[in-house]
Amino acid sequence: MTFDKWFNSQTTLVKALLLLIPFVGWICECLIRLSVALRTKSVVHVVVFVLFIVVGWTWIIAVVDFVYMLLNGHLILGE
């Protein structure tokens, strides 16, 4: 699963639009975190994925990820 690589290869405008659309943004973040967790098999990434599934529906995490993506070009722990 290489959704994270596809997402990170997009322009910042496309990434911003994908994250801003409410349900689509949550699905994108979920797929990115799952993709990174499966690719790296790191305990940290698996824990972040599980935490995102449990509390990822909140707007706070989405806003923090959005701002971080605008500044750095990828999600927090999503590279």
N, C-alpha and C. Protein backbone atom coordinates (compact mmCIF):
# COMPACT_ATOMS: atom_id res chain seq x y z
N MET A 1 0.85 -1.17 0.00
CA MET A 1 0.00 0.00 0.00
C MET A 1 0.90 1.23 0.00
N THR A 2 0.79 2.05 -1.01
CA THR A 2 1.67 3.22 -1.12
C THR A 2 0.88 4.52 -1.24
N PHE A 3 -0.23 4.58 -0.52
CA PHE A 3 -1.05 5.79 -0.58
C PHE A 3 -0.28 6.99 -0.05
N ASP A 4 0.57 6.79 0.95
CA ASP A 4 1.33 7.91 1.51
C ASP A 4 2.29 8.50 0.48
N LYS A 5 2.91 7.65 -0.32
CA LYS A 5 3.83 8.15 -1.36
C LYS A 5 3.05 8.91 -2.43
N TRP A 6 1.88 8.40 -2.81
CA TRP A 6 1.06 9.11 -3.78
C TRP A 6 0.63 10.47 -3.23
N PHE A 7 0.18 10.49 -1.99
CA PHE A 7 -0.28 11.74 -1.38
C PHE A 7 0.85 12.75 -1.28
N ASN A 8 2.01 12.32 -0.84
CA ASN A 8 3.15 13.23 -0.68
C ASN A 8 3.69 13.72 -2.02
N SER A 9 3.40 13.02 -3.10
CA SER A 9 3.87 13.46 -4.42
C SER A 9 2.95 14.52 -5.04
N GLN A 10 1.79 14.73 -4.45
CA GLN A 10 0.86 15.73 -4.98
C GLN A 10 1.32 17.13 -4.60
N THR A 11 0.77 18.13 -5.30
CA THR A 11 1.10 19.51 -4.97
C THR A 11 0.45 19.88 -3.64
N THR A 12 0.95 20.93 -3.03
CA THR A 12 0.41 21.36 -1.74
C THR A 12 -1.06 21.74 -1.86
N LEU A 13 -1.45 22.33 -2.97
CA LEU A 13 -2.85 22.71 -3.17
C LEU A 13 -3.76 21.48 -3.18
N VAL A 14 -3.36 20.44 -3.89
CA VAL A 14 -4.17 19.22 -3.95
C VAL A 14 -4.24 18.57 -2.57
N LYS A 15 -3.12 18.51 -1.87
CA LYS A 15 -3.11 17.93 -0.52
C LYS A 15 -4.03 18.73 0.41
N ALA A 16 -3.96 20.06 0.32
CA ALA A 16 -4.79 20.91 1.17
C ALA A 16 -6.26 20.69 0.87
N LEU A 17 -6.61 20.61 -0.40
CA LEU A 17 -8.02 20.38 -0.76
C LEU A 17 -8.50 19.02 -0.28
N LEU A 18 -7.67 18.00 -0.43
CA LEU A 18 -8.07 16.67 0.04
C LEU A 18 -8.28 16.63 1.55
N LEU A 19 -7.46 17.37 2.29
CA LEU A 19 -7.60 17.36 3.75
C LEU A 19 -8.73 18.26 4.24
N LEU A 20 -9.10 19.27 3.47
CA LEU A 20 -10.14 20.19 3.91
C LEU A 20 -11.56 19.64 3.75
N ILE A 21 -11.76 18.78 2.79
CA ILE A 21 -13.09 18.20 2.60
C ILE A 21 -13.34 17.24 3.77
N PRO A 22 -14.40 17.50 4.58
CA PRO A 22 -14.55 16.80 5.86
C PRO A 22 -14.38 15.29 5.82
N PHE A 23 -15.22 14.54 5.15
CA PHE A 23 -15.12 13.09 5.21
C PHE A 23 -13.93 12.58 4.40
N VAL A 24 -13.65 13.22 3.29
CA VAL A 24 -12.53 12.83 2.44
C VAL A 24 -11.21 13.04 3.18
N GLY A 25 -11.11 14.13 3.93
CA GLY A 25 -9.89 14.40 4.71
C GLY A 25 -9.62 13.32 5.73
N TRP A 26 -10.68 12.85 6.40
CA TRP A 26 -10.49 11.81 7.41
C TRP A 26 -10.06 10.51 6.74
N ILE A 27 -10.68 10.17 5.61
CA ILE A 27 -10.31 8.95 4.88
C ILE A 27 -8.87 9.03 4.40
N CYS A 28 -8.47 10.20 3.86
CA CYS A 28 -7.09 10.37 3.38
C CYS A 28 -6.09 10.19 4.52
N GLU A 29 -6.37 10.85 5.65
CA GLU A 29 -5.45 10.71 6.78
C GLU A 29 -5.39 9.26 7.26
N CYS A 30 -6.52 8.60 7.30
CA CYS A 30 -6.55 7.20 7.73
C CYS A 30 -5.73 6.33 6.79
N LEU A 31 -5.91 6.51 5.47
CA LEU A 31 -5.16 5.72 4.50
C LEU A 31 -3.66 6.03 4.55
N ILE A 32 -3.31 7.29 4.75
CA ILE A 32 -1.90 7.67 4.84
C ILE A 32 -1.26 7.00 6.05
N ARG A 33 -1.93 7.10 7.20
CA ARG A 33 -1.36 6.51 8.42
C ARG A 33 -1.29 4.99 8.33
N LEU A 34 -2.31 4.35 7.74
CA LEU A 34 -2.28 2.91 7.55
C LEU A 34 -1.15 2.52 6.60
N SER A 35 -1.00 3.26 5.53
CA SER A 35 0.05 2.98 4.56
C SER A 35 1.44 3.10 5.18
N VAL A 36 1.65 4.13 5.96
CA VAL A 36 2.96 4.32 6.62
C VAL A 36 3.19 3.21 7.64
N ALA A 37 2.16 2.86 8.40
CA ALA A 37 2.31 1.81 9.42
C ALA A 37 2.64 0.47 8.77
N LEU A 38 1.99 0.15 7.65
CA LEU A 38 2.26 -1.13 6.98
C LEU A 38 3.62 -1.14 6.29
N ARG A 39 4.01 0.01 5.76
CA ARG A 39 5.28 0.08 5.03
C ARG A 39 6.47 0.03 5.99
N THR A 40 6.40 0.78 7.10
CA THR A 40 7.55 0.87 8.01
C THR A 40 7.53 -0.22 9.09
N LYS A 41 6.36 -0.69 9.44
CA LYS A 41 6.18 -1.67 10.52
C LYS A 41 6.79 -1.18 11.83
N SER A 42 6.78 0.12 12.01
CA SER A 42 7.29 0.73 13.23
C SER A 42 6.20 0.76 14.29
N VAL A 43 6.57 0.50 15.52
CA VAL A 43 5.61 0.52 16.63
C VAL A 43 5.01 1.91 16.77
N VAL A 44 5.81 2.95 16.60
CA VAL A 44 5.33 4.33 16.73
C VAL A 44 4.24 4.61 15.69
N HIS A 45 4.47 4.19 14.45
CA HIS A 45 3.48 4.44 13.41
C HIS A 45 2.20 3.63 13.62
N VAL A 46 2.34 2.42 14.14
CA VAL A 46 1.15 1.61 14.43
C VAL A 46 0.35 2.26 15.56
N VAL A 47 1.03 2.74 16.60
CA VAL A 47 0.35 3.41 17.71
C VAL A 47 -0.34 4.68 17.23
N VAL A 48 0.33 5.45 16.38
CA VAL A 48 -0.28 6.68 15.83
C VAL A 48 -1.51 6.34 15.01
N PHE A 49 -1.44 5.26 14.22
CA PHE A 49 -2.60 4.84 13.43
C PHE A 49 -3.77 4.47 14.34
N VAL A 50 -3.52 3.70 15.38
CA VAL A 50 -4.58 3.30 16.29
C VAL A 50 -5.16 4.51 17.01
N LEU A 51 -4.30 5.42 17.46
CA LEU A 51 -4.79 6.64 18.11
C LEU A 51 -5.62 7.48 17.14
N PHE A 52 -5.21 7.54 15.90
CA PHE A 52 -5.99 8.30 14.92
C PHE A 52 -7.36 7.67 14.72
N ILE A 53 -7.44 6.36 14.68
CA ILE A 53 -8.73 5.69 14.52
C ILE A 53 -9.62 5.96 15.74
N VAL A 54 -9.02 5.96 16.93
CA VAL A 54 -9.81 6.15 18.15
C VAL A 54 -10.27 7.60 18.31
N VAL A 55 -9.36 8.57 18.11
CA VAL A 55 -9.72 9.99 18.33
C VAL A 55 -9.51 10.84 17.09
N GLY A 56 -9.30 10.23 15.95
CA GLY A 56 -8.99 10.98 14.74
C GLY A 56 -10.15 11.73 14.13
N TRP A 57 -11.35 11.48 14.59
CA TRP A 57 -12.51 12.16 14.04
C TRP A 57 -12.64 13.58 14.56
N THR A 58 -11.83 13.96 15.52
CA THR A 58 -11.93 15.32 16.08
C THR A 58 -11.28 16.33 15.14
N TRP A 59 -11.78 17.53 15.15
CA TRP A 59 -11.26 18.59 14.28
C TRP A 59 -9.89 19.07 14.73
N ILE A 60 -9.55 18.90 16.00
CA ILE A 60 -8.27 19.38 16.51
C ILE A 60 -7.11 18.69 15.80
N ILE A 61 -7.18 17.38 15.69
CA ILE A 61 -6.11 16.63 15.03
C ILE A 61 -6.05 16.99 13.55
N ALA A 62 -7.21 17.15 12.93
CA ALA A 62 -7.25 17.50 11.51
C ALA A 62 -6.63 18.88 11.26
N VAL A 63 -6.90 19.83 12.13
CA VAL A 63 -6.35 21.18 11.96
C VAL A 63 -4.84 21.17 12.19
N VAL A 64 -4.39 20.46 13.20
CA VAL A 64 -2.95 20.38 13.46
C VAL A 64 -2.24 19.71 12.29
N ASP A 65 -2.78 18.61 11.78
CA ASP A 65 -2.20 17.94 10.62
C ASP A 65 -2.20 18.84 9.39
N PHE A 66 -3.27 19.60 9.20
CA PHE A 66 -3.37 20.49 8.05
C PHE A 66 -2.30 21.57 8.10
N VAL A 67 -2.14 22.21 9.24
CA VAL A 67 -1.12 23.26 9.39
C VAL A 67 0.28 22.68 9.24
N TYR A 68 0.52 21.52 9.83
CA TYR A 68 1.82 20.87 9.72
C TYR A 68 2.12 20.50 8.26
N MET A 69 1.09 20.03 7.55
CA MET A 69 1.27 19.68 6.15
C MET A 69 1.59 20.91 5.31
N LEU A 70 0.95 22.04 5.61
CA LEU A 70 1.25 23.27 4.87
C LEU A 70 2.69 23.72 5.10
N LEU A 71 3.18 23.55 6.33
CA LEU A 71 4.54 23.99 6.66
C LEU A 71 5.62 23.03 6.19
N ASN A 72 5.36 21.72 6.26
CA ASN A 72 6.40 20.72 6.00
C ASN A 72 6.15 19.82 4.79
N GLY A 73 4.96 19.84 4.23
CA GLY A 73 4.69 19.06 3.04
C GLY A 73 4.22 17.64 3.29
N HIS A 74 4.09 17.22 4.56
CA HIS A 74 3.58 15.88 4.88
C HIS A 74 2.91 15.92 6.24
N LEU A 75 2.15 14.90 6.54
CA LEU A 75 1.46 14.85 7.83
C LEU A 75 2.44 14.53 8.95
N ILE A 76 2.03 14.81 10.16
CA ILE A 76 2.85 14.47 11.32
C ILE A 76 3.01 12.95 11.37
N LEU A 77 4.24 12.49 11.42
CA LEU A 77 4.59 11.07 11.42
C LEU A 77 3.97 10.36 10.21
N GLY A 78 3.84 11.07 9.10
CA GLY A 78 3.25 10.46 7.92
C GLY A 78 4.21 10.38 6.77
N GLU A 79 5.48 10.24 7.06
CA GLU A 79 6.46 10.14 5.99
C GLU A 79 7.36 8.96 6.19
